[in-house]
Each structure stands twice: as C-alpha cells, then as structure tokens.
C-alpha cells in the first residue's frame, strides 16, 4: 500500500462517520503547491462554498500557495463564504491528511472566523 492509498483509506472512515450523522462537511485537499477547501452538503451532492490558493484574491496576498500563511487565508475566506451562504456548523473532513501544519492552520482560521466544528 502506497502513501496515497493509505491516505484514501483513512479518509474513507472519516467520510463514513460524517455521512452517518448527515452533517455538512468541510473537506480539505492538500498538494505540495496548493490547498483547497470545500463545504459540501449533507447528502454529498452539492458544493455550497469553496476556496483555494488558486483564487486571485488569495494569490495576491500569498503568492506561494504551499505554506501555512496561504492555508490560513483560505480558511478565513472559506468561513466568510460559508457565513454568506448561511452555514455555521460543519464537520471537518481532513481527507486522511494529518491535522498538522497547513491543514491545522486552515481549520483554526475557519474557526476564528465563525465556523463551528
């Protein structure tokens, strides 16, 4: 089993638990160069809000998308978009990534800006 298969296996367990409680989820995906976050509806069929380091506003503030500063900006931006869409409570889906570094920075920034999880 390679590292990607192991990560996907860990992610599957988390997503099954979130689906069982029928919660809106905040899903995070991380690559070496960027970080992406989406808020997905409880049935899993619709993206309600999204943010990433590819967005023009985020790129202007943090040209390197693969660091903790950029991840915090994405978390803040996602929380603002979620508030505008009327979403306050989500379940955090780290997609099998460790809750450390960029994933942690994104989560903490989203919490500081009003998302509850």
N, C-alpha and C. Protein backbone atom coordinates (compact mmCIF):
# COMPACT_ATOMS: atom_id res chain seq x y z
N UNK A 1 0.85 -1.18 0.00
CA UNK A 1 0.00 0.00 0.00
C UNK A 1 0.90 1.25 0.00
N UNK A 2 0.68 2.11 -0.96
CA UNK A 2 1.48 3.34 -1.00
C UNK A 2 0.83 4.43 -0.15
N UNK A 3 1.48 5.57 -0.04
CA UNK A 3 1.00 6.61 0.86
C UNK A 3 -0.35 7.18 0.44
N UNK A 4 -0.59 7.28 -0.87
CA UNK A 4 -1.88 7.81 -1.31
C UNK A 4 -3.01 6.84 -0.98
N UNK A 5 -2.79 5.55 -1.18
CA UNK A 5 -3.81 4.56 -0.84
C UNK A 5 -4.10 4.56 0.65
N UNK A 6 -3.07 4.71 1.46
CA UNK A 6 -3.25 4.77 2.91
C UNK A 6 -4.05 6.01 3.31
N UNK A 7 -3.77 7.15 2.68
CA UNK A 7 -4.50 8.37 2.98
C UNK A 7 -5.96 8.24 2.60
N UNK A 8 -6.23 7.67 1.43
CA UNK A 8 -7.61 7.50 0.98
C UNK A 8 -8.36 6.53 1.90
N UNK A 9 -7.67 5.50 2.39
CA UNK A 9 -8.29 4.55 3.32
C UNK A 9 -8.69 5.26 4.62
N UNK A 10 -7.80 6.12 5.13
CA UNK A 10 -8.12 6.88 6.34
C UNK A 10 -9.29 7.84 6.08
N UNK A 11 -9.30 8.43 4.91
CA UNK A 11 -10.36 9.38 4.57
C UNK A 11 -11.72 8.70 4.48
N UNK A 12 -11.73 7.48 3.99
CA UNK A 12 -12.99 6.74 3.83
C UNK A 12 -13.69 6.54 5.17
N UNK A 13 -12.93 6.23 6.21
CA UNK A 13 -13.51 6.03 7.54
C UNK A 13 -14.16 7.31 8.07
N UNK A 14 -13.45 8.42 7.91
CA UNK A 14 -13.97 9.70 8.37
C UNK A 14 -15.24 10.08 7.62
N UNK A 15 -15.22 9.91 6.31
CA UNK A 15 -16.38 10.29 5.49
C UNK A 15 -17.59 9.42 5.80
N UNK A 16 -17.37 8.17 6.14
CA UNK A 16 -18.48 7.27 6.51
C UNK A 16 -19.14 7.75 7.80
N UNK A 17 -18.34 8.17 8.77
CA UNK A 17 -18.90 8.66 10.03
C UNK A 17 -19.66 9.97 9.83
N UNK A 18 -19.12 10.86 8.99
CA UNK A 18 -19.78 12.14 8.72
C UNK A 18 -21.10 11.89 7.98
N UNK A 19 -21.10 10.96 7.03
CA UNK A 19 -22.32 10.64 6.28
C UNK A 19 -23.38 10.03 7.19
N UNK A 20 -22.96 9.27 8.19
CA UNK A 20 -23.91 8.63 9.10
C UNK A 20 -24.68 9.66 9.93
N UNK A 21 -24.02 10.75 10.30
CA UNK A 21 -24.70 11.78 11.09
C UNK A 21 -25.34 12.85 10.21
N UNK A 22 -25.19 12.71 8.90
CA UNK A 22 -25.78 13.63 7.92
C UNK A 22 -25.42 15.09 8.21
N UNK A 23 -24.13 15.34 8.28
CA UNK A 23 -23.64 16.70 8.57
C UNK A 23 -23.06 17.33 7.31
N UNK A 24 -23.15 18.64 7.25
CA UNK A 24 -22.48 19.39 6.20
C UNK A 24 -20.99 19.28 6.51
N UNK A 25 -20.16 19.01 5.49
CA UNK A 25 -18.74 18.79 5.79
C UNK A 25 -17.83 19.79 5.10
N UNK A 26 -16.75 20.10 5.80
CA UNK A 26 -15.70 20.95 5.26
C UNK A 26 -14.58 20.00 4.86
N UNK A 27 -14.40 19.83 3.57
CA UNK A 27 -13.40 18.91 3.04
C UNK A 27 -12.16 19.67 2.60
N UNK A 28 -10.99 19.15 2.98
CA UNK A 28 -9.71 19.80 2.67
C UNK A 28 -8.89 18.88 1.79
N UNK A 29 -8.26 19.44 0.77
CA UNK A 29 -7.31 18.68 -0.04
C UNK A 29 -6.03 19.50 -0.14
N UNK A 30 -4.90 18.82 0.01
CA UNK A 30 -3.62 19.48 0.06
C UNK A 30 -2.69 18.86 -0.98
N UNK A 31 -2.01 19.72 -1.73
CA UNK A 31 -0.94 19.27 -2.63
C UNK A 31 0.32 20.03 -2.22
N UNK A 32 1.42 19.73 -2.85
CA UNK A 32 2.65 20.43 -2.49
C UNK A 32 2.57 21.92 -2.76
N UNK A 33 1.86 22.31 -3.81
CA UNK A 33 1.83 23.71 -4.20
C UNK A 33 0.60 24.49 -3.77
N UNK A 34 -0.49 23.80 -3.41
CA UNK A 34 -1.75 24.49 -3.12
C UNK A 34 -2.54 23.77 -2.05
N UNK A 35 -3.58 24.44 -1.54
CA UNK A 35 -4.53 23.82 -0.63
C UNK A 35 -5.94 24.24 -1.06
N UNK A 36 -6.86 23.31 -1.00
CA UNK A 36 -8.22 23.53 -1.47
C UNK A 36 -9.18 23.15 -0.34
N UNK A 37 -10.29 23.87 -0.21
CA UNK A 37 -11.29 23.55 0.80
C UNK A 37 -12.67 23.76 0.20
N UNK A 38 -13.58 22.84 0.54
CA UNK A 38 -14.95 22.92 0.06
C UNK A 38 -15.91 22.62 1.20
N UNK A 39 -17.04 23.28 1.19
CA UNK A 39 -18.12 22.91 2.10
C UNK A 39 -19.15 22.19 1.25
N UNK A 40 -19.41 20.93 1.62
CA UNK A 40 -20.25 20.04 0.83
C UNK A 40 -21.53 19.75 1.59
N UNK A 41 -22.67 19.72 0.89
CA UNK A 41 -23.96 19.49 1.52
C UNK A 41 -24.01 18.14 2.21
N UNK A 42 -24.99 17.97 3.09
CA UNK A 42 -25.11 16.75 3.90
C UNK A 42 -25.31 15.50 3.05
N UNK A 43 -25.99 15.64 1.91
CA UNK A 43 -26.19 14.47 1.05
C UNK A 43 -24.98 14.22 0.15
N UNK A 44 -24.02 15.12 0.16
CA UNK A 44 -22.79 14.95 -0.61
C UNK A 44 -22.94 15.29 -2.08
N UNK A 45 -24.05 15.88 -2.46
CA UNK A 45 -24.31 16.13 -3.87
C UNK A 45 -24.03 17.53 -4.36
N UNK A 46 -23.73 18.46 -3.45
CA UNK A 46 -23.60 19.84 -3.90
C UNK A 46 -22.53 20.56 -3.09
N UNK A 47 -21.69 21.33 -3.78
CA UNK A 47 -20.69 22.17 -3.13
C UNK A 47 -21.35 23.49 -2.80
N UNK A 48 -21.38 23.84 -1.52
CA UNK A 48 -22.05 25.05 -1.07
C UNK A 48 -21.12 26.27 -1.05
N UNK A 49 -19.84 26.03 -0.80
CA UNK A 49 -18.84 27.11 -0.80
C UNK A 49 -17.47 26.47 -1.01
N UNK A 50 -16.58 27.23 -1.62
CA UNK A 50 -15.23 26.70 -1.82
C UNK A 50 -14.21 27.83 -1.82
N UNK A 51 -12.97 27.47 -1.50
CA UNK A 51 -11.87 28.44 -1.53
C UNK A 51 -10.58 27.66 -1.76
N UNK A 52 -9.63 28.30 -2.39
CA UNK A 52 -8.33 27.66 -2.61
C UNK A 52 -7.26 28.71 -2.83
N UNK A 53 -6.03 28.27 -2.87
CA UNK A 53 -4.92 29.18 -3.10
C UNK A 53 -4.82 29.58 -4.57
N UNK A 54 -5.67 29.05 -5.41
CA UNK A 54 -5.68 29.43 -6.82
C UNK A 54 -6.50 30.68 -7.09
N UNK A 55 -7.30 31.10 -6.10
CA UNK A 55 -8.14 32.28 -6.28
C UNK A 55 -7.28 33.54 -6.36
N UNK A 56 -7.72 34.47 -7.17
CA UNK A 56 -6.94 35.68 -7.44
C UNK A 56 -6.66 36.49 -6.16
N UNK A 57 -7.67 36.64 -5.29
CA UNK A 57 -7.51 37.41 -4.06
C UNK A 57 -6.47 36.77 -3.13
N UNK A 58 -6.52 35.46 -3.01
CA UNK A 58 -5.58 34.74 -2.14
C UNK A 58 -4.17 34.82 -2.72
N UNK A 59 -4.06 34.64 -4.02
CA UNK A 59 -2.75 34.71 -4.69
C UNK A 59 -2.09 36.07 -4.52
N UNK A 60 -2.91 37.13 -4.48
CA UNK A 60 -2.36 38.48 -4.30
C UNK A 60 -1.73 38.65 -2.92
N UNK A 61 -2.34 38.02 -1.91
CA UNK A 61 -1.84 38.16 -0.55
C UNK A 61 -0.74 37.15 -0.23
N UNK A 62 -0.81 35.97 -0.84
CA UNK A 62 0.21 34.93 -0.58
C UNK A 62 0.57 34.27 -1.90
N UNK A 63 1.61 34.75 -2.56
CA UNK A 63 1.97 34.21 -3.88
C UNK A 63 2.36 32.73 -3.85
N UNK A 64 2.93 32.26 -2.72
CA UNK A 64 3.26 30.84 -2.58
C UNK A 64 2.08 30.15 -1.92
N UNK A 65 1.39 29.28 -2.63
CA UNK A 65 0.20 28.62 -2.11
C UNK A 65 0.48 27.42 -1.24
N UNK A 66 1.73 27.03 -1.08
CA UNK A 66 2.05 25.82 -0.35
C UNK A 66 2.60 26.07 1.03
N UNK A 67 2.12 27.11 1.72
CA UNK A 67 2.62 27.34 3.08
C UNK A 67 1.47 27.62 4.04
N UNK A 68 1.80 27.73 5.33
CA UNK A 68 0.80 27.89 6.39
C UNK A 68 0.05 29.21 6.26
N UNK A 69 0.72 30.26 5.85
CA UNK A 69 0.07 31.56 5.69
C UNK A 69 -1.04 31.50 4.65
N UNK A 70 -0.75 30.87 3.53
CA UNK A 70 -1.75 30.74 2.47
C UNK A 70 -2.92 29.88 2.94
N UNK A 71 -2.65 28.82 3.70
CA UNK A 71 -3.71 27.95 4.21
C UNK A 71 -4.62 28.72 5.16
N UNK A 72 -4.05 29.58 5.99
CA UNK A 72 -4.86 30.39 6.90
C UNK A 72 -5.75 31.36 6.13
N UNK A 73 -5.23 31.93 5.06
CA UNK A 73 -6.04 32.83 4.22
C UNK A 73 -7.21 32.07 3.59
N UNK A 74 -6.97 30.84 3.15
CA UNK A 74 -8.04 30.02 2.55
C UNK A 74 -9.10 29.72 3.60
N UNK A 75 -8.69 29.38 4.83
CA UNK A 75 -9.64 29.11 5.90
C UNK A 75 -10.50 30.32 6.22
N UNK A 76 -9.88 31.48 6.27
CA UNK A 76 -10.62 32.72 6.53
C UNK A 76 -11.61 33.00 5.41
N UNK A 77 -11.16 32.88 4.19
CA UNK A 77 -12.02 33.14 3.03
C UNK A 77 -13.20 32.16 2.96
N UNK A 78 -12.93 30.91 3.27
CA UNK A 78 -14.00 29.90 3.25
C UNK A 78 -15.04 30.19 4.32
N UNK A 79 -14.60 30.59 5.51
CA UNK A 79 -15.52 30.92 6.59
C UNK A 79 -16.42 32.10 6.20
N UNK A 80 -15.84 33.09 5.54
CA UNK A 80 -16.63 34.24 5.09
C UNK A 80 -17.67 33.82 4.06
N UNK A 81 -17.28 32.96 3.12
CA UNK A 81 -18.22 32.48 2.10
C UNK A 81 -19.32 31.62 2.73
N UNK A 82 -18.96 30.83 3.75
CA UNK A 82 -19.94 29.99 4.42
C UNK A 82 -20.96 30.85 5.16
N UNK A 83 -20.49 31.89 5.83
CA UNK A 83 -21.42 32.80 6.53
C UNK A 83 -22.38 33.43 5.54
N UNK A 84 -21.87 33.83 4.38
CA UNK A 84 -22.73 34.45 3.36
C UNK A 84 -23.77 33.46 2.85
N UNK A 85 -23.43 32.17 2.85
CA UNK A 85 -24.36 31.14 2.40
C UNK A 85 -25.26 30.65 3.53
N UNK A 86 -25.06 31.17 4.75
CA UNK A 86 -25.91 30.80 5.89
C UNK A 86 -25.48 29.51 6.57
N UNK A 87 -24.22 29.14 6.45
CA UNK A 87 -23.72 27.91 7.06
C UNK A 87 -22.86 28.29 8.26
N UNK A 88 -23.17 27.70 9.42
CA UNK A 88 -22.40 27.99 10.62
C UNK A 88 -21.72 26.76 11.19
N UNK A 89 -22.37 25.59 11.05
CA UNK A 89 -21.85 24.38 11.68
C UNK A 89 -21.50 23.35 10.60
N UNK A 90 -20.28 22.82 10.68
CA UNK A 90 -19.81 21.83 9.72
C UNK A 90 -19.06 20.71 10.45
N UNK A 91 -18.83 19.62 9.74
CA UNK A 91 -17.97 18.55 10.23
C UNK A 91 -16.67 18.65 9.44
N UNK A 92 -15.54 18.57 10.12
CA UNK A 92 -14.24 18.75 9.46
C UNK A 92 -13.77 17.43 8.89
N UNK A 93 -13.54 17.40 7.59
CA UNK A 93 -13.04 16.23 6.87
C UNK A 93 -11.64 16.55 6.38
N UNK A 94 -10.63 16.00 7.04
CA UNK A 94 -9.25 16.32 6.68
C UNK A 94 -8.73 15.44 5.55
N UNK A 95 -9.58 14.60 4.99
CA UNK A 95 -9.26 13.76 3.83
C UNK A 95 -8.06 12.84 4.05
N UNK A 96 -7.89 12.39 5.28
CA UNK A 96 -6.80 11.46 5.58
C UNK A 96 -5.46 12.12 5.84
N UNK A 97 -5.39 13.45 5.69
CA UNK A 97 -4.15 14.17 5.98
C UNK A 97 -4.02 14.36 7.48
N UNK A 98 -2.78 14.43 7.99
CA UNK A 98 -2.57 14.68 9.41
C UNK A 98 -3.07 16.07 9.77
N UNK A 99 -3.64 16.20 10.97
CA UNK A 99 -4.10 17.50 11.45
C UNK A 99 -2.88 18.23 11.99
N UNK A 100 -2.12 18.80 11.07
CA UNK A 100 -0.84 19.39 11.40
C UNK A 100 -0.47 20.34 10.27
N UNK A 101 0.26 21.38 10.58
CA UNK A 101 0.75 22.27 9.53
C UNK A 101 -0.33 23.02 8.81
N UNK A 102 -0.38 22.86 7.49
CA UNK A 102 -1.33 23.62 6.66
C UNK A 102 -2.77 23.26 6.93
N UNK A 103 -3.06 21.97 7.15
CA UNK A 103 -4.44 21.55 7.42
C UNK A 103 -4.90 22.16 8.74
N UNK A 104 -4.05 22.14 9.74
CA UNK A 104 -4.38 22.73 11.05
C UNK A 104 -4.57 24.24 10.94
N UNK A 105 -3.71 24.91 10.18
CA UNK A 105 -3.81 26.37 10.00
C UNK A 105 -5.13 26.74 9.34
N UNK A 106 -5.54 25.98 8.33
CA UNK A 106 -6.81 26.23 7.65
C UNK A 106 -7.97 26.05 8.63
N UNK A 107 -7.96 24.97 9.41
CA UNK A 107 -9.04 24.69 10.36
C UNK A 107 -9.13 25.78 11.43
N UNK A 108 -8.00 26.19 11.98
CA UNK A 108 -8.01 27.21 13.02
C UNK A 108 -8.49 28.56 12.49
N UNK A 109 -8.09 28.91 11.27
CA UNK A 109 -8.54 30.17 10.68
C UNK A 109 -10.04 30.14 10.42
N UNK A 110 -10.56 29.00 9.99
CA UNK A 110 -12.02 28.89 9.77
C UNK A 110 -12.77 29.01 11.08
N UNK A 111 -12.24 28.40 12.14
CA UNK A 111 -12.88 28.51 13.46
C UNK A 111 -12.87 29.95 13.97
N UNK A 112 -11.74 30.62 13.82
CA UNK A 112 -11.62 32.01 14.29
C UNK A 112 -12.58 32.95 13.57
N UNK A 113 -12.94 32.59 12.35
CA UNK A 113 -13.82 33.45 11.56
C UNK A 113 -15.28 32.99 11.56
N UNK A 114 -15.65 32.12 12.50
CA UNK A 114 -17.06 31.85 12.72
C UNK A 114 -17.59 30.47 12.41
N UNK A 115 -16.82 29.59 11.79
CA UNK A 115 -17.32 28.24 11.56
C UNK A 115 -17.20 27.41 12.83
N UNK A 116 -18.19 26.59 13.10
CA UNK A 116 -18.19 25.74 14.29
C UNK A 116 -18.02 24.30 13.89
N UNK A 117 -16.97 23.64 14.41
CA UNK A 117 -16.76 22.20 14.22
C UNK A 117 -15.85 21.66 15.27
